[in-house]
Amino acid sequence: MAKKLKTYQTSLGFYDQAIAAPSMKAALAAWGASSNLFHQGVAKETDDPDVVAATMAKPGVVLRRPVGSDGPFTESTELPTDLGEGETKSKSRTRSKSKARSKKRPAKPGRNASREIDNAAARKAAAAFEKEERRREAERRKEEAARAKERARRDKAVAAAEAALDKARRAHEAKAETIEAERAALEARAEAEQARWDKQRHKLDQALRRARE
């Protein structure tokens, strides 16, 4: 059964953020918060009808508006260009929006009809939230699979490079051993030749001295 959604609101950086979620934990996860903003007093559950309506229309989606403004929450928003120009313009906009909302506000339905509409909207919003959660989870799994594939590719490349290095090292060591053995054999031949020559020269020197006597 789908959980009933609530609307949570916070301010992060340059934006106010709001979301329809089944719990504070789900809201924090959607905001990407690394700490409990509710315990810190910078996040809250809100019953503002405009904010609730906006988030329930897009459950599970983080909506934003410039921090400190009273404009509508949307999926994508830009920072205002008139920050710091005084309160007069802000108050004027607030009064204008209040009048516009009062003019557009339809007649309230009966209590039973309103309750049925609220229950139906809540069920629809909860189902939409779960769908959005499944989409985000599928996206997370896709990203994790991509990271795992990249890690496997990198590990394979490292293993291949290490194997090539080991093979080259063994070939070098074998050649070095062969060269060392050849050098030892040459040194032995050189020593044998020197010994033979020393013996022969000694005999020839003796023969030369006898011939001169």
Protein backbone atom coordinates (compact mmCIF):
# COMPACT_ATOMS: atom_id res chain seq x y z
CA MET A 1 0.00 0.00 0.00
CA ALA A 2 1.37 3.41 -0.94
CA LYS A 3 2.47 5.59 1.97
CA LYS A 4 0.80 8.94 2.53
CA LEU A 5 2.97 11.80 1.34
CA LYS A 6 3.84 14.96 3.22
CA THR A 7 5.41 18.17 1.96
CA TYR A 8 8.83 19.13 3.33
CA GLN A 9 10.69 22.37 2.73
CA THR A 10 14.26 23.59 3.30
CA SER A 11 16.74 26.22 2.13
CA LEU A 12 20.03 25.09 0.56
CA GLY A 13 22.44 27.55 -1.02
CA PHE A 14 20.61 30.03 -3.23
CA TYR A 15 17.35 28.09 -3.34
CA ASP A 16 14.35 27.13 -1.26
CA GLN A 17 13.58 23.48 -1.95
CA ALA A 18 10.39 21.48 -1.45
CA ILE A 19 9.35 17.88 -2.06
CA ALA A 20 6.40 15.58 -1.47
CA ALA A 21 7.79 12.49 0.27
CA PRO A 22 6.55 9.79 2.67
CA SER A 23 9.09 10.66 5.38
CA MET A 24 11.77 13.13 6.47
CA LYS A 25 14.40 10.49 5.64
CA ALA A 26 13.12 10.24 2.07
CA ALA A 27 13.13 14.04 1.75
CA LEU A 28 16.73 14.28 3.01
CA ALA A 29 17.79 11.58 0.53
CA ALA A 30 16.12 13.41 -2.37
CA TRP A 31 17.80 16.68 -1.34
CA GLY A 32 21.16 14.90 -1.15
CA ALA A 33 21.65 16.20 2.40
CA SER A 34 24.62 14.77 4.31
CA SER A 35 23.17 15.75 7.71
CA ASN A 36 19.74 15.88 9.35
CA LEU A 37 18.45 19.30 8.32
CA PHE A 38 15.30 18.80 10.38
CA HIS A 39 17.29 18.41 13.62
CA GLN A 40 19.31 21.48 12.65
CA GLY A 41 16.12 23.51 12.26
CA VAL A 42 16.66 24.36 8.57
CA ALA A 43 14.02 21.95 7.21
CA LYS A 44 10.38 21.46 8.15
CA GLU A 45 7.08 19.95 7.14
CA THR A 46 4.85 22.60 5.56
CA ASP A 47 1.11 22.86 5.04
CA ASP A 48 1.28 25.93 2.80
CA PRO A 49 -1.48 25.12 0.24
CA ASP A 50 0.47 26.50 -2.73
CA VAL A 51 3.62 24.58 -1.83
CA VAL A 52 1.66 21.40 -1.06
CA ALA A 53 -0.21 21.63 -4.37
CA ALA A 54 3.01 22.14 -6.34
CA THR A 55 4.83 19.20 -4.71
CA MET A 56 1.84 16.85 -4.83
CA ALA A 57 1.61 17.52 -8.56
CA LYS A 58 5.19 16.22 -8.92
CA PRO A 59 5.72 13.83 -5.97
CA GLY A 60 9.29 12.75 -5.39
CA VAL A 61 10.67 15.57 -7.53
CA VAL A 62 12.70 18.30 -5.84
CA LEU A 63 11.17 21.69 -6.66
CA ARG A 64 13.05 24.98 -6.23
CA ARG A 65 12.65 28.73 -6.10
CA PRO A 66 15.13 31.53 -5.28
CA VAL A 67 15.81 31.59 -1.55
CA GLY A 68 13.71 34.08 0.38
CA SER A 69 11.26 34.62 -2.49
CA ASP A 70 7.53 33.87 -2.44
CA GLY A 71 7.31 32.69 -6.03
CA PRO A 72 6.08 29.25 -7.09
CA PHE A 73 8.21 26.14 -6.72
CA THR A 74 9.27 24.61 -10.05
CA GLU A 75 11.64 21.90 -11.28
CA SER A 76 14.02 24.47 -12.79
CA THR A 77 14.34 28.04 -11.66
CA GLU A 78 16.71 30.96 -12.05
CA LEU A 79 18.00 33.33 -9.43
CA PRO A 80 16.21 36.72 -9.42
CA THR A 81 18.10 39.72 -10.80
CA ASP A 82 16.54 42.21 -8.37
CA LEU A 83 17.79 40.83 -5.05
CA GLY A 84 18.44 43.61 -2.53
CA GLU A 85 16.35 46.33 -4.24
CA GLY A 86 14.21 46.86 -1.14
CA GLU A 87 11.06 45.48 0.31
CA THR A 88 8.61 47.75 -1.57
CA LYS A 89 8.70 45.76 -4.79
CA SER A 90 8.51 42.46 -2.89
CA LYS A 91 5.50 43.59 -0.88
CA SER A 92 3.83 44.90 -4.03
CA ARG A 93 4.33 41.54 -5.75
CA THR A 94 3.00 39.74 -2.69
CA ARG A 95 -0.18 41.85 -2.65
CA SER A 96 -0.63 41.40 -6.42
CA LYS A 97 -0.22 37.62 -6.17
CA SER A 98 -2.58 37.45 -3.20
CA LYS A 99 -5.22 39.35 -5.17
CA ALA A 100 -4.68 37.15 -8.21
CA ARG A 101 -5.01 33.99 -6.13
CA SER A 102 -8.16 35.32 -4.45
CA LYS A 103 -9.70 36.09 -7.84
CA LYS A 104 -8.81 32.70 -9.30
CA ARG A 105 -9.74 30.64 -6.24
CA PRO A 106 -12.86 28.56 -7.08
CA ALA A 107 -15.72 27.99 -4.71
CA LYS A 108 -14.97 25.38 -2.06
CA PRO A 109 -16.67 22.04 -2.60
CA GLY A 110 -18.65 20.33 0.12
CA ARG A 111 -16.80 18.64 2.99
CA ASN A 112 -17.39 15.08 1.78
CA ALA A 113 -16.51 15.90 -1.82
CA SER A 114 -13.39 17.71 -0.65
CA ARG A 115 -12.34 14.71 1.45
CA GLU A 116 -12.85 12.33 -1.48
CA ILE A 117 -10.82 14.61 -3.74
CA ASP A 118 -8.04 14.89 -1.13
CA ASN A 119 -7.91 11.10 -0.66
CA ALA A 120 -7.83 10.49 -4.39
CA ALA A 121 -5.12 13.14 -4.87
CA ALA A 122 -3.11 11.66 -2.00
CA ARG A 123 -3.30 8.17 -3.51
CA LYS A 124 -2.35 9.50 -6.92
CA ALA A 125 0.54 11.52 -5.48
CA ALA A 126 1.77 8.55 -3.45
CA ALA A 127 1.69 6.31 -6.52
CA ALA A 128 3.55 8.97 -8.52
CA PHE A 129 6.13 9.27 -5.74
CA GLU A 130 6.75 5.53 -5.74
CA LYS A 131 7.12 5.65 -9.53
CA GLU A 132 9.66 8.45 -9.22
CA GLU A 133 11.49 6.50 -6.51
CA ARG A 134 11.64 3.45 -8.79
CA ARG A 135 12.96 5.64 -11.61
CA ARG A 136 15.65 7.10 -9.35
CA GLU A 137 16.56 3.64 -8.06
CA ALA A 138 16.81 2.32 -11.61
CA GLU A 139 19.03 5.28 -12.48
CA ARG A 140 21.21 4.58 -9.44
CA ARG A 141 21.51 0.91 -10.42
CA LYS A 142 22.39 1.93 -13.97
CA GLU A 143 25.09 4.30 -12.72
CA GLU A 144 26.44 1.66 -10.33
CA ALA A 145 26.52 -0.90 -13.17
CA ALA A 146 28.42 1.60 -15.31
CA ARG A 147 30.90 2.22 -12.47
CA ALA A 148 31.30 -1.53 -11.93
CA LYS A 149 31.90 -2.01 -15.66
CA GLU A 150 34.51 0.74 -15.63
CA ARG A 151 36.20 -0.77 -12.57
CA ALA A 152 36.26 -4.19 -14.28
CA ARG A 153 37.74 -2.63 -17.44
CA ARG A 154 40.37 -0.81 -15.40
CA ASP A 155 41.20 -3.92 -13.35
CA LYS A 156 41.54 -5.95 -16.55
CA ALA A 157 43.84 -3.33 -18.06
CA VAL A 158 45.95 -3.23 -14.88
CA ALA A 159 46.17 -7.03 -14.80
CA ALA A 160 47.23 -7.12 -18.47
CA ALA A 161 49.88 -4.44 -17.88
CA GLU A 162 51.20 -6.27 -14.80
CA ALA A 163 51.32 -9.57 -16.74
CA ALA A 164 53.22 -7.89 -19.59
CA LEU A 165 55.65 -6.35 -17.11
CA ASP A 166 56.24 -9.70 -15.39
CA LYS A 167 56.78 -11.43 -18.73
CA ALA A 168 59.28 -8.77 -19.85
CA ARG A 169 61.07 -8.96 -16.48
CA ARG A 170 61.42 -12.75 -16.74
CA ALA A 171 62.74 -12.48 -20.31
CA HIS A 172 65.26 -9.85 -19.20
CA GLU A 173 66.42 -11.94 -16.26
CA ALA A 174 66.84 -15.00 -18.51
CA LYS A 175 68.92 -13.02 -21.02
CA ALA A 176 70.96 -11.47 -18.23
CA GLU A 177 71.70 -14.93 -16.83
CA THR A 178 72.76 -16.16 -20.28
CA ILE A 179 75.04 -13.16 -20.78
CA GLU A 180 76.51 -13.63 -17.30
CA ALA A 181 77.19 -17.31 -18.06
CA GLU A 182 78.84 -16.39 -21.37
CA ARG A 183 80.94 -13.75 -19.62
CA ALA A 184 82.05 -16.29 -17.01
CA ALA A 185 82.95 -18.75 -19.77
CA LEU A 186 84.97 -16.07 -21.61
CA GLU A 187 86.79 -15.16 -18.43
CA ALA A 188 87.63 -18.84 -17.87
CA ARG A 189 88.91 -19.14 -21.45
CA ALA A 190 90.94 -15.96 -21.02
CA GLU A 191 92.51 -17.27 -17.82
CA ALA A 192 93.27 -20.63 -19.47
CA GLU A 193 94.86 -18.87 -22.42
CA GLN A 194 96.94 -16.68 -20.12
CA ALA A 195 98.14 -19.74 -18.21
CA ARG A 196 99.03 -21.59 -21.43
CA TRP A 197 100.92 -18.54 -22.71
CA ASP A 198 102.81 -18.06 -19.46
CA LYS A 199 103.93 -21.70 -19.57
CA GLN A 200 104.93 -21.54 -23.22
CA ARG A 201 106.78 -18.24 -22.78
CA HIS A 202 108.74 -19.67 -19.85
CA LYS A 203 109.91 -22.61 -21.96
CA LEU A 204 110.85 -20.39 -24.88
CA ASP A 205 112.76 -18.00 -22.62
CA GLN A 206 114.78 -20.92 -21.27
CA ALA A 207 115.53 -22.12 -24.79
CA LEU A 208 116.65 -18.63 -25.80
CA ARG A 209 119.04 -18.34 -22.85
CA ARG A 210 120.60 -21.73 -23.65
CA ALA A 211 121.09 -20.71 -27.29
CA ARG A 212 122.98 -17.55 -26.18
CA GLU A 213 125.39 -19.40 -23.91
